[in-house]
Amino acid sequence: RLYHSLKAWRQKKAEEDDVPIYMILPQKAMMEVVATLPGNPRELGNIKGFGKKKVKQFSSDILALVREYKKEQNMEVVDEPE
């Protein structure tokens, strides 16, 4: 479910910015977000494919999708510090 949400978000962002989807978020990075469920920008930055620029640009959107997924799965959601 999270993977599909990320994929749809990535497609929309790529169209808005008029760039290829891999420029928004590489496939491997998407898979690692799904596997690790980062809770803050620092954890997101630890994922290969996320540099400081991508974290700054996209962390709020991606972390919101992760939080939404965790709530749907009845997983603990903690407002973690940056």
N, C-alpha and C. Protein backbone atom coordinates (compact mmCIF):
# COMPACT_ATOMS: atom_id res chain seq x y z
N ARG A 1 0.83 -1.20 0.00
CA ARG A 1 0.00 0.00 0.00
C ARG A 1 0.87 1.26 0.00
N LEU A 2 1.86 1.32 0.88
CA LEU A 2 2.75 2.49 0.93
C LEU A 2 3.50 2.64 -0.39
N TYR A 3 3.95 1.53 -0.94
CA TYR A 3 4.67 1.57 -2.21
C TYR A 3 3.82 2.24 -3.29
N HIS A 4 2.56 1.86 -3.37
CA HIS A 4 1.68 2.42 -4.39
C HIS A 4 1.41 3.91 -4.14
N SER A 5 1.32 4.29 -2.89
CA SER A 5 1.14 5.71 -2.55
C SER A 5 2.37 6.52 -2.98
N LEU A 6 3.55 5.98 -2.68
CA LEU A 6 4.79 6.65 -3.07
C LEU A 6 4.92 6.74 -4.59
N LYS A 7 4.55 5.67 -5.26
CA LYS A 7 4.64 5.63 -6.71
C LYS A 7 3.72 6.68 -7.34
N ALA A 8 2.50 6.79 -6.84
CA ALA A 8 1.55 7.78 -7.35
C ALA A 8 2.04 9.20 -7.06
N TRP A 9 2.57 9.41 -5.86
CA TRP A 9 3.12 10.72 -5.49
C TRP A 9 4.27 11.09 -6.41
N ARG A 10 5.17 10.12 -6.65
CA ARG A 10 6.34 10.36 -7.50
C ARG A 10 5.91 10.72 -8.92
N GLN A 11 4.93 10.02 -9.44
CA GLN A 11 4.43 10.29 -10.80
C GLN A 11 3.87 11.71 -10.89
N LYS A 12 3.08 12.08 -9.90
CA LYS A 12 2.48 13.42 -9.89
C LYS A 12 3.56 14.50 -9.81
N LYS A 13 4.55 14.30 -8.93
CA LYS A 13 5.64 15.27 -8.78
C LYS A 13 6.44 15.39 -10.07
N ALA A 14 6.71 14.28 -10.72
CA ALA A 14 7.49 14.29 -11.96
C ALA A 14 6.74 15.08 -13.04
N GLU A 15 5.44 14.87 -13.10
CA GLU A 15 4.64 15.61 -14.08
C GLU A 15 4.62 17.11 -13.76
N GLU A 16 4.46 17.45 -12.48
CA GLU A 16 4.45 18.86 -12.08
C GLU A 16 5.77 19.54 -12.40
N ASP A 17 6.88 18.84 -12.14
CA ASP A 17 8.21 19.41 -12.34
C ASP A 17 8.75 19.18 -13.75
N ASP A 18 8.01 18.41 -14.55
CA ASP A 18 8.40 18.09 -15.92
C ASP A 18 9.79 17.45 -15.98
N VAL A 19 9.97 16.42 -15.14
CA VAL A 19 11.23 15.66 -15.11
C VAL A 19 10.90 14.16 -15.10
N PRO A 20 11.87 13.31 -15.46
CA PRO A 20 11.64 11.86 -15.39
C PRO A 20 11.41 11.43 -13.94
N ILE A 21 10.63 10.37 -13.74
CA ILE A 21 10.30 9.95 -12.38
C ILE A 21 11.52 9.60 -11.54
N TYR A 22 12.56 9.04 -12.16
CA TYR A 22 13.74 8.66 -11.37
C TYR A 22 14.45 9.89 -10.79
N MET A 23 14.22 11.05 -11.38
CA MET A 23 14.83 12.27 -10.85
C MET A 23 14.15 12.70 -9.54
N ILE A 24 12.91 12.32 -9.39
CA ILE A 24 12.19 12.63 -8.15
C ILE A 24 12.61 11.66 -7.06
N LEU A 25 12.50 10.38 -7.35
CA LEU A 25 12.84 9.36 -6.35
C LEU A 25 13.19 8.06 -7.07
N PRO A 26 14.44 7.61 -6.96
CA PRO A 26 14.82 6.35 -7.60
C PRO A 26 14.05 5.17 -7.01
N GLN A 27 13.86 4.14 -7.81
CA GLN A 27 13.14 2.94 -7.40
C GLN A 27 13.71 2.33 -6.12
N LYS A 28 15.04 2.21 -6.06
CA LYS A 28 15.67 1.61 -4.88
C LYS A 28 15.38 2.42 -3.62
N ALA A 29 15.39 3.74 -3.75
CA ALA A 29 15.11 4.59 -2.59
C ALA A 29 13.66 4.40 -2.14
N MET A 30 12.75 4.28 -3.10
CA MET A 30 11.35 4.04 -2.77
C MET A 30 11.19 2.73 -2.00
N MET A 31 11.85 1.71 -2.46
CA MET A 31 11.78 0.40 -1.81
C MET A 31 12.34 0.46 -0.39
N GLU A 32 13.40 1.23 -0.20
CA GLU A 32 13.99 1.33 1.13
C GLU A 32 13.09 2.13 2.08
N VAL A 33 12.40 3.14 1.56
CA VAL A 33 11.43 3.87 2.39
C VAL A 33 10.36 2.90 2.88
N VAL A 34 9.87 2.05 1.98
CA VAL A 34 8.85 1.07 2.35
C VAL A 34 9.40 0.08 3.38
N ALA A 35 10.64 -0.32 3.23
CA ALA A 35 11.24 -1.31 4.13
C ALA A 35 11.56 -0.73 5.51
N THR A 36 12.00 0.54 5.55
CA THR A 36 12.48 1.10 6.82
C THR A 36 11.48 2.01 7.52
N LEU A 37 10.49 2.52 6.79
CA LEU A 37 9.48 3.43 7.35
C LEU A 37 10.10 4.54 8.19
N PRO A 38 10.88 5.41 7.56
CA PRO A 38 11.55 6.48 8.30
C PRO A 38 10.55 7.39 9.01
N GLY A 39 10.95 7.90 10.17
CA GLY A 39 10.05 8.73 10.96
C GLY A 39 10.42 10.19 11.00
N ASN A 40 11.59 10.53 10.46
CA ASN A 40 12.01 11.93 10.46
C ASN A 40 12.99 12.18 9.31
N PRO A 41 13.28 13.44 9.04
CA PRO A 41 14.18 13.76 7.91
C PRO A 41 15.57 13.14 8.03
N ARG A 42 16.08 13.01 9.25
CA ARG A 42 17.41 12.42 9.44
C ARG A 42 17.41 10.97 8.98
N GLU A 43 16.38 10.21 9.38
CA GLU A 43 16.29 8.81 8.95
C GLU A 43 16.09 8.71 7.44
N LEU A 44 15.33 9.63 6.90
CA LEU A 44 15.13 9.65 5.45
C LEU A 44 16.46 9.91 4.74
N GLY A 45 17.26 10.79 5.29
CA GLY A 45 18.56 11.12 4.71
C GLY A 45 19.55 9.97 4.75
N ASN A 46 19.30 8.99 5.61
CA ASN A 46 20.18 7.81 5.70
C ASN A 46 19.92 6.82 4.57
N ILE A 47 18.85 7.04 3.83
CA ILE A 47 18.51 6.14 2.72
C ILE A 47 19.29 6.55 1.48
N LYS A 48 19.93 5.56 0.86
CA LYS A 48 20.71 5.84 -0.35
C LYS A 48 19.77 6.40 -1.42
N GLY A 49 20.16 7.51 -2.02
CA GLY A 49 19.32 8.16 -3.02
C GLY A 49 18.71 9.45 -2.49
N PHE A 50 18.85 9.66 -1.18
CA PHE A 50 18.37 10.89 -0.57
C PHE A 50 19.55 11.72 -0.10
N GLY A 51 19.85 12.76 -0.86
CA GLY A 51 20.85 13.71 -0.40
C GLY A 51 20.14 14.81 0.36
N LYS A 52 20.90 15.79 0.80
CA LYS A 52 20.33 16.90 1.56
C LYS A 52 19.26 17.64 0.76
N LYS A 53 19.49 17.79 -0.53
CA LYS A 53 18.54 18.52 -1.38
C LYS A 53 17.20 17.79 -1.47
N LYS A 54 17.25 16.48 -1.72
CA LYS A 54 16.01 15.69 -1.82
C LYS A 54 15.28 15.65 -0.48
N VAL A 55 16.02 15.53 0.60
CA VAL A 55 15.39 15.52 1.91
C VAL A 55 14.67 16.85 2.13
N LYS A 56 15.35 17.95 1.81
CA LYS A 56 14.73 19.26 2.00
C LYS A 56 13.50 19.43 1.11
N GLN A 57 13.59 18.97 -0.13
CA GLN A 57 12.49 19.11 -1.10
C GLN A 57 11.29 18.25 -0.76
N PHE A 58 11.53 16.99 -0.39
CA PHE A 58 10.46 16.01 -0.37
C PHE A 58 10.15 15.37 0.97
N SER A 59 10.93 15.67 2.02
CA SER A 59 10.72 14.94 3.27
C SER A 59 9.32 15.12 3.84
N SER A 60 8.76 16.31 3.78
CA SER A 60 7.43 16.49 4.38
C SER A 60 6.39 15.64 3.67
N ASP A 61 6.44 15.57 2.34
CA ASP A 61 5.48 14.75 1.58
C ASP A 61 5.66 13.26 1.88
N ILE A 62 6.90 12.81 1.82
CA ILE A 62 7.18 11.38 2.00
C ILE A 62 6.88 10.94 3.43
N LEU A 63 7.30 11.74 4.39
CA LEU A 63 7.05 11.37 5.79
C LEU A 63 5.56 11.38 6.10
N ALA A 64 4.80 12.26 5.46
CA ALA A 64 3.35 12.27 5.65
C ALA A 64 2.73 10.98 5.12
N LEU A 65 3.22 10.50 3.98
CA LEU A 65 2.73 9.23 3.43
C LEU A 65 3.08 8.06 4.35
N VAL A 66 4.29 8.09 4.92
CA VAL A 66 4.70 7.03 5.85
C VAL A 66 3.82 7.06 7.10
N ARG A 67 3.58 8.25 7.66
CA ARG A 67 2.72 8.38 8.84
C ARG A 67 1.31 7.85 8.55
N GLU A 68 0.77 8.23 7.41
CA GLU A 68 -0.57 7.79 7.02
C GLU A 68 -0.63 6.26 6.93
N TYR A 69 0.40 5.67 6.32
CA TYR A 69 0.48 4.22 6.20
C TYR A 69 0.53 3.56 7.58
N LYS A 70 1.37 4.10 8.46
CA LYS A 70 1.50 3.53 9.80
C LYS A 70 0.16 3.57 10.54
N LYS A 71 -0.56 4.67 10.40
CA LYS A 71 -1.87 4.77 11.06
C LYS A 71 -2.83 3.73 10.51
N GLU A 72 -2.84 3.56 9.19
CA GLU A 72 -3.72 2.57 8.56
C GLU A 72 -3.41 1.16 9.04
N GLN A 73 -2.14 0.90 9.31
CA GLN A 73 -1.71 -0.44 9.73
C GLN A 73 -1.73 -0.59 11.25
N ASN A 74 -2.29 0.40 11.94
CA ASN A 74 -2.33 0.40 13.41
C ASN A 74 -0.95 0.27 14.03
N MET A 75 0.02 0.89 13.38
CA MET A 75 1.39 0.92 13.90
C MET A 75 1.55 2.20 14.71
N GLU A 76 2.47 2.18 15.64
CA GLU A 76 2.70 3.36 16.47
C GLU A 76 3.25 4.50 15.59
N VAL A 77 2.68 5.67 15.75
CA VAL A 77 3.15 6.85 15.05
C VAL A 77 3.60 7.84 16.10
N VAL A 78 4.88 8.18 16.05
CA VAL A 78 5.45 9.12 17.01
C VAL A 78 5.90 10.34 16.25
N ASP A 79 5.53 11.51 16.76
CA ASP A 79 6.05 12.74 16.16
C ASP A 79 7.50 12.85 16.59
N GLU A 80 8.37 12.42 15.70
CA GLU A 80 9.78 12.36 16.04
C GLU A 80 10.47 13.67 15.71
N PRO A 81 11.47 14.04 16.51
CA PRO A 81 12.21 15.27 16.24
C PRO A 81 13.06 15.12 15.00
N GLU A 82 13.38 16.26 14.42
CA GLU A 82 14.21 16.25 13.22
C GLU A 82 15.63 16.00 13.63
